[in-house]
N, C-alpha and C. Protein backbone atom coordinates (compact mmCIF):
# COMPACT_ATOMS: atom_id res chain seq x y z
N MET A 1 -13.88 -14.66 6.87
CA MET A 1 -14.65 -13.84 7.79
C MET A 1 -13.74 -12.79 8.44
N LYS A 2 -14.22 -11.57 8.49
CA LYS A 2 -13.41 -10.50 9.05
C LYS A 2 -13.32 -10.64 10.57
N MET A 3 -12.13 -10.37 11.10
CA MET A 3 -11.89 -10.44 12.53
C MET A 3 -12.05 -9.07 13.15
N LYS A 4 -12.30 -9.06 14.44
CA LYS A 4 -12.28 -7.82 15.18
C LYS A 4 -10.83 -7.45 15.46
N PHE A 5 -10.60 -6.17 15.74
CA PHE A 5 -9.25 -5.70 16.00
C PHE A 5 -8.56 -6.52 17.08
N ALA A 6 -9.24 -6.78 18.19
CA ALA A 6 -8.63 -7.49 19.32
C ALA A 6 -8.11 -8.87 18.89
N GLU A 7 -8.92 -9.58 18.14
CA GLU A 7 -8.51 -10.92 17.67
C GLU A 7 -7.35 -10.82 16.68
N ARG A 8 -7.45 -9.85 15.78
CA ARG A 8 -6.42 -9.69 14.75
C ARG A 8 -5.08 -9.33 15.40
N LEU A 9 -5.10 -8.43 16.37
CA LEU A 9 -3.87 -8.03 17.04
C LEU A 9 -3.22 -9.22 17.72
N LYS A 10 -4.00 -9.99 18.43
CA LYS A 10 -3.46 -11.16 19.13
C LYS A 10 -2.85 -12.14 18.12
N GLU A 11 -3.55 -12.36 17.01
CA GLU A 11 -3.05 -13.26 15.97
C GLU A 11 -1.72 -12.75 15.40
N LEU A 12 -1.67 -11.47 15.07
CA LEU A 12 -0.45 -10.89 14.50
C LEU A 12 0.71 -10.91 15.50
N ARG A 13 0.40 -10.61 16.74
CA ARG A 13 1.43 -10.61 17.78
C ARG A 13 2.07 -11.99 17.89
N LYS A 14 1.23 -13.01 17.97
CA LYS A 14 1.74 -14.38 18.11
C LYS A 14 2.45 -14.84 16.83
N GLU A 15 1.87 -14.51 15.70
CA GLU A 15 2.45 -14.87 14.40
C GLU A 15 3.87 -14.32 14.25
N ASN A 16 4.11 -13.15 14.85
CA ASN A 16 5.40 -12.49 14.74
C ASN A 16 6.31 -12.74 15.94
N GLY A 17 5.90 -13.67 16.81
CA GLY A 17 6.75 -14.08 17.93
C GLY A 17 6.85 -13.10 19.09
N TYR A 18 5.85 -12.24 19.23
CA TYR A 18 5.86 -11.28 20.33
C TYR A 18 4.99 -11.78 21.48
N THR A 19 5.47 -11.56 22.69
CA THR A 19 4.60 -11.69 23.85
C THR A 19 3.94 -10.33 24.04
N GLN A 20 2.97 -10.24 24.92
CA GLN A 20 2.36 -8.93 25.20
C GLN A 20 3.41 -7.96 25.73
N VAL A 21 4.30 -8.46 26.58
CA VAL A 21 5.35 -7.61 27.15
C VAL A 21 6.28 -7.11 26.05
N MET A 22 6.69 -8.00 25.17
CA MET A 22 7.60 -7.61 24.08
C MET A 22 6.96 -6.57 23.15
N LEU A 23 5.68 -6.78 22.81
CA LEU A 23 4.99 -5.83 21.95
C LEU A 23 4.86 -4.48 22.65
N ALA A 24 4.50 -4.52 23.91
CA ALA A 24 4.36 -3.28 24.67
C ALA A 24 5.68 -2.52 24.71
N GLU A 25 6.78 -3.21 24.95
CA GLU A 25 8.09 -2.56 24.99
C GLU A 25 8.46 -1.98 23.62
N ALA A 26 8.18 -2.73 22.56
CA ALA A 26 8.50 -2.26 21.21
C ALA A 26 7.71 -1.00 20.85
N LEU A 27 6.51 -0.88 21.41
CA LEU A 27 5.67 0.28 21.13
C LEU A 27 5.83 1.39 22.18
N GLY A 28 6.62 1.11 23.22
CA GLY A 28 6.82 2.10 24.28
C GLY A 28 5.61 2.26 25.19
N LEU A 29 4.92 1.15 25.43
CA LEU A 29 3.70 1.17 26.23
C LEU A 29 3.78 0.13 27.34
N SER A 30 2.74 0.07 28.17
CA SER A 30 2.71 -0.94 29.24
C SER A 30 2.05 -2.21 28.72
N LYS A 31 2.38 -3.33 29.37
CA LYS A 31 1.78 -4.62 29.03
C LYS A 31 0.27 -4.54 29.20
N GLY A 32 -0.17 -3.81 30.21
CA GLY A 32 -1.60 -3.67 30.48
C GLY A 32 -2.34 -3.04 29.31
N THR A 33 -1.70 -2.12 28.62
CA THR A 33 -2.33 -1.47 27.46
C THR A 33 -2.57 -2.48 26.36
N VAL A 34 -1.57 -3.30 26.07
CA VAL A 34 -1.72 -4.33 25.04
C VAL A 34 -2.81 -5.32 25.45
N ALA A 35 -2.83 -5.70 26.72
CA ALA A 35 -3.86 -6.63 27.21
C ALA A 35 -5.26 -6.03 27.04
N MET A 36 -5.40 -4.74 27.28
CA MET A 36 -6.70 -4.08 27.12
C MET A 36 -7.14 -4.09 25.64
N TRP A 37 -6.18 -3.91 24.75
CA TRP A 37 -6.51 -3.97 23.32
C TRP A 37 -6.99 -5.36 22.95
N GLU A 38 -6.27 -6.37 23.44
CA GLU A 38 -6.59 -7.75 23.06
C GLU A 38 -7.89 -8.26 23.69
N THR A 39 -8.36 -7.60 24.72
CA THR A 39 -9.65 -7.98 25.30
C THR A 39 -10.77 -7.09 24.76
N GLY A 40 -10.42 -6.15 23.92
CA GLY A 40 -11.41 -5.29 23.31
C GLY A 40 -11.89 -4.15 24.19
N LYS A 41 -11.19 -3.90 25.29
CA LYS A 41 -11.61 -2.84 26.22
C LYS A 41 -11.12 -1.46 25.79
N ARG A 42 -10.09 -1.44 24.98
CA ARG A 42 -9.53 -0.18 24.47
C ARG A 42 -9.02 -0.40 23.05
N THR A 43 -8.79 0.71 22.36
CA THR A 43 -8.17 0.64 21.04
C THR A 43 -7.03 1.66 20.99
N PRO A 44 -5.98 1.34 20.25
CA PRO A 44 -4.84 2.27 20.15
C PRO A 44 -5.16 3.46 19.26
N ASP A 45 -4.37 4.51 19.41
CA ASP A 45 -4.54 5.67 18.54
C ASP A 45 -3.88 5.39 17.19
N TYR A 46 -4.10 6.30 16.26
CA TYR A 46 -3.62 6.11 14.89
C TYR A 46 -2.11 5.92 14.82
N GLU A 47 -1.35 6.69 15.58
CA GLU A 47 0.11 6.60 15.52
C GLU A 47 0.59 5.21 15.91
N ILE A 48 -0.04 4.63 16.92
CA ILE A 48 0.34 3.28 17.37
C ILE A 48 -0.04 2.25 16.31
N ILE A 49 -1.23 2.40 15.73
CA ILE A 49 -1.66 1.47 14.68
C ILE A 49 -0.71 1.56 13.49
N ASN A 50 -0.27 2.76 13.17
CA ASN A 50 0.69 2.94 12.08
C ASN A 50 2.01 2.25 12.41
N MET A 51 2.45 2.33 13.65
CA MET A 51 3.67 1.63 14.06
C MET A 51 3.50 0.12 13.91
N MET A 52 2.33 -0.38 14.29
CA MET A 52 2.06 -1.82 14.16
C MET A 52 2.06 -2.23 12.70
N SER A 53 1.56 -1.37 11.83
CA SER A 53 1.56 -1.66 10.40
C SER A 53 3.00 -1.87 9.91
N ASP A 54 3.90 -1.02 10.37
CA ASP A 54 5.32 -1.19 10.01
C ASP A 54 5.91 -2.45 10.63
N MET A 55 5.61 -2.69 11.91
CA MET A 55 6.17 -3.85 12.61
C MET A 55 5.73 -5.17 11.99
N PHE A 56 4.43 -5.26 11.71
CA PHE A 56 3.86 -6.52 11.22
C PHE A 56 3.84 -6.61 9.69
N ASP A 57 4.20 -5.53 9.01
CA ASP A 57 4.18 -5.46 7.55
C ASP A 57 2.79 -5.81 7.01
N ARG A 58 1.78 -5.17 7.60
CA ARG A 58 0.40 -5.37 7.18
C ARG A 58 -0.27 -4.00 7.05
N ARG A 59 -1.28 -3.95 6.18
CA ARG A 59 -2.03 -2.70 6.00
C ARG A 59 -2.88 -2.42 7.23
N ILE A 60 -3.15 -1.16 7.45
CA ILE A 60 -3.93 -0.75 8.62
C ILE A 60 -5.33 -1.34 8.61
N ASP A 61 -5.99 -1.38 7.46
CA ASP A 61 -7.34 -1.93 7.41
C ASP A 61 -7.35 -3.41 7.80
N TYR A 62 -6.27 -4.11 7.50
CA TYR A 62 -6.16 -5.51 7.91
C TYR A 62 -5.99 -5.61 9.43
N ILE A 63 -5.12 -4.79 9.99
CA ILE A 63 -4.87 -4.81 11.43
C ILE A 63 -6.16 -4.49 12.19
N LEU A 64 -6.92 -3.52 11.69
CA LEU A 64 -8.16 -3.12 12.36
C LEU A 64 -9.29 -4.14 12.18
N GLY A 65 -9.10 -5.10 11.28
CA GLY A 65 -10.12 -6.12 11.07
C GLY A 65 -11.15 -5.75 10.01
N TYR A 66 -10.91 -4.68 9.25
CA TYR A 66 -11.84 -4.28 8.20
C TYR A 66 -11.62 -5.05 6.91
N SER A 67 -10.50 -5.74 6.81
CA SER A 67 -10.15 -6.47 5.60
C SER A 67 -9.54 -7.81 5.98
N ASP A 68 -9.71 -8.77 5.09
CA ASP A 68 -9.06 -10.08 5.27
C ASP A 68 -7.87 -10.24 4.34
N ASP A 69 -7.46 -9.15 3.71
CA ASP A 69 -6.34 -9.18 2.78
C ASP A 69 -5.04 -8.88 3.54
N PRO A 70 -4.21 -9.92 3.78
CA PRO A 70 -3.01 -9.74 4.60
C PRO A 70 -1.78 -9.24 3.84
N THR A 71 -1.98 -8.69 2.64
CA THR A 71 -0.81 -8.27 1.87
C THR A 71 -0.10 -7.09 2.53
N SER A 72 1.15 -6.95 2.15
CA SER A 72 2.00 -5.90 2.68
C SER A 72 1.57 -4.53 2.16
N PRO A 73 1.73 -3.49 2.98
CA PRO A 73 1.44 -2.14 2.48
C PRO A 73 2.57 -1.60 1.61
N ARG A 74 3.70 -2.30 1.59
CA ARG A 74 4.85 -1.84 0.81
C ARG A 74 4.68 -2.22 -0.66
N LEU A 75 5.13 -1.37 -1.52
CA LEU A 75 5.06 -1.64 -2.95
C LEU A 75 6.13 -2.64 -3.35
N THR A 76 5.77 -3.53 -4.27
CA THR A 76 6.75 -4.46 -4.81
C THR A 76 7.59 -3.74 -5.85
N ARG A 77 8.69 -4.35 -6.23
CA ARG A 77 9.55 -3.78 -7.29
C ARG A 77 8.74 -3.59 -8.57
N GLU A 78 7.89 -4.56 -8.91
CA GLU A 78 7.08 -4.46 -10.12
C GLU A 78 6.12 -3.28 -10.04
N GLN A 79 5.50 -3.08 -8.88
CA GLN A 79 4.57 -1.96 -8.71
C GLN A 79 5.30 -0.62 -8.83
N ILE A 80 6.50 -0.55 -8.27
CA ILE A 80 7.29 0.69 -8.36
C ILE A 80 7.65 0.96 -9.82
N GLU A 81 8.05 -0.08 -10.56
CA GLU A 81 8.37 0.09 -11.97
C GLU A 81 7.15 0.55 -12.77
N GLU A 82 6.01 -0.03 -12.46
CA GLU A 82 4.77 0.36 -13.15
C GLU A 82 4.42 1.82 -12.86
N LEU A 83 4.60 2.25 -11.62
CA LEU A 83 4.36 3.66 -11.29
C LEU A 83 5.30 4.57 -12.06
N GLY A 84 6.55 4.14 -12.22
CA GLY A 84 7.51 4.91 -13.00
C GLY A 84 7.05 5.06 -14.44
N LYS A 85 6.50 3.98 -15.00
CA LYS A 85 5.99 4.04 -16.38
C LYS A 85 4.85 5.03 -16.48
N TRP A 86 3.95 5.03 -15.48
CA TRP A 86 2.83 5.96 -15.50
C TRP A 86 3.32 7.40 -15.40
N GLU A 87 4.35 7.62 -14.60
CA GLU A 87 4.91 8.98 -14.49
C GLU A 87 5.49 9.42 -15.83
N LEU A 88 6.19 8.52 -16.51
CA LEU A 88 6.75 8.84 -17.82
C LEU A 88 5.63 9.14 -18.81
N ARG A 89 4.59 8.31 -18.80
CA ARG A 89 3.45 8.54 -19.70
C ARG A 89 2.81 9.90 -19.44
N LYS A 90 2.63 10.20 -18.16
CA LYS A 90 2.04 11.48 -17.77
C LYS A 90 2.90 12.64 -18.28
N HIS A 91 4.20 12.51 -18.13
CA HIS A 91 5.13 13.55 -18.59
C HIS A 91 5.05 13.71 -20.11
N LEU A 92 5.05 12.59 -20.83
CA LEU A 92 4.98 12.65 -22.29
C LEU A 92 3.67 13.27 -22.77
N LEU A 93 2.57 12.90 -22.12
CA LEU A 93 1.28 13.48 -22.50
C LEU A 93 1.25 14.99 -22.25
N TYR A 94 1.86 15.40 -21.16
CA TYR A 94 1.93 16.83 -20.87
C TYR A 94 2.74 17.54 -21.97
N LYS A 95 3.90 16.99 -22.31
CA LYS A 95 4.74 17.60 -23.35
C LYS A 95 3.99 17.64 -24.68
N PHE A 96 3.28 16.55 -24.99
CA PHE A 96 2.50 16.49 -26.22
C PHE A 96 1.43 17.57 -26.23
N SER A 97 0.75 17.76 -25.11
CA SER A 97 -0.33 18.75 -25.04
C SER A 97 0.20 20.18 -25.17
N CYS A 98 1.47 20.39 -24.90
CA CYS A 98 2.08 21.73 -25.02
C CYS A 98 2.51 22.05 -26.45
N LEU A 99 2.53 21.04 -27.31
CA LEU A 99 2.95 21.27 -28.70
C LEU A 99 1.90 22.10 -29.44
N PRO A 100 2.35 22.92 -30.38
CA PRO A 100 1.39 23.61 -31.25
C PRO A 100 0.63 22.59 -32.10
N ALA A 101 -0.45 23.01 -32.72
CA ALA A 101 -1.35 22.10 -33.45
C ALA A 101 -0.64 21.30 -34.55
N GLU A 102 0.17 21.94 -35.37
CA GLU A 102 0.80 21.24 -36.50
C GLU A 102 1.78 20.16 -36.03
N PRO A 103 2.71 20.44 -35.12
CA PRO A 103 3.58 19.36 -34.65
C PRO A 103 2.80 18.23 -33.96
N ARG A 104 1.72 18.57 -33.27
CA ARG A 104 0.88 17.53 -32.64
C ARG A 104 0.26 16.64 -33.71
N ARG A 105 -0.21 17.25 -34.81
CA ARG A 105 -0.80 16.49 -35.91
C ARG A 105 0.22 15.54 -36.51
N ARG A 106 1.48 16.01 -36.68
CA ARG A 106 2.54 15.17 -37.25
C ARG A 106 2.87 13.99 -36.33
N VAL A 107 2.91 14.24 -35.03
CA VAL A 107 3.18 13.15 -34.08
C VAL A 107 2.07 12.10 -34.16
N LEU A 108 0.83 12.54 -34.20
CA LEU A 108 -0.30 11.60 -34.31
C LEU A 108 -0.24 10.81 -35.61
N LEU A 109 0.09 11.48 -36.68
CA LEU A 109 0.22 10.81 -37.98
C LEU A 109 1.33 9.76 -37.93
N PHE A 110 2.47 10.12 -37.36
CA PHE A 110 3.59 9.19 -37.23
C PHE A 110 3.16 7.96 -36.41
N CYS A 111 2.49 8.21 -35.31
CA CYS A 111 2.06 7.09 -34.45
C CYS A 111 1.06 6.19 -35.18
N THR A 112 0.16 6.80 -35.92
CA THR A 112 -0.84 6.03 -36.67
C THR A 112 -0.16 5.16 -37.72
N VAL A 113 0.77 5.73 -38.46
CA VAL A 113 1.49 4.97 -39.48
C VAL A 113 2.31 3.86 -38.84
N SER A 114 2.98 4.17 -37.75
CA SER A 114 3.81 3.16 -37.08
C SER A 114 2.96 2.00 -36.57
N LEU A 115 1.82 2.30 -35.98
CA LEU A 115 0.93 1.24 -35.49
C LEU A 115 0.39 0.41 -36.63
N THR A 116 0.01 1.07 -37.73
CA THR A 116 -0.52 0.36 -38.89
C THR A 116 0.53 -0.59 -39.45
N GLU A 117 1.78 -0.15 -39.54
CA GLU A 117 2.85 -0.99 -40.06
C GLU A 117 3.08 -2.20 -39.15
N LYS A 118 3.00 -2.01 -37.83
CA LYS A 118 3.20 -3.13 -36.91
C LYS A 118 2.08 -4.15 -37.02
N ILE A 119 0.87 -3.66 -37.25
CA ILE A 119 -0.27 -4.56 -37.37
C ILE A 119 -0.15 -5.39 -38.65
N ILE A 120 0.30 -4.76 -39.73
CA ILE A 120 0.45 -5.45 -41.02
C ILE A 120 1.56 -6.48 -40.95
N ILE A 121 2.65 -6.16 -40.28
CA ILE A 121 3.82 -7.04 -40.22
C ILE A 121 3.59 -8.20 -39.34
C-alpha cells in the first residue's frame, strides 16, 4: 500500500538514524519545518526533495509516496554497462546508415552469412 509523504518521510528519517533536528540541520532548515512535513501540514519544495533523494538513496516518487519501489535512483554497474552497449549500437547503426548502398548491401550479406554459419554449427 502506498504511503503518504508525511509517513514515508518519517519512516525514511528513522530508518537512516536521523532525528528531526538532525534532518533539519542536514537540510539547512528548522526542526519545526521537518515536524510540519511529518504531520502533513506542509510539503518541501523540489530542491529539498531532491536533497532527500540523495541523502536517503531513494527515488523521488518513493519519497513522495507515489511508489512502493524503494530501489536506489543510482544506476548499477550492470545498468551503466548496458547503457554503454546501447550507445555503441546506436553509433554503429548511425555509421551503417551513412554507408553508400553497395557497401551496406555487403555488410548485410556478411552478417547474414555469419549468422547462418553460427546457426548451422
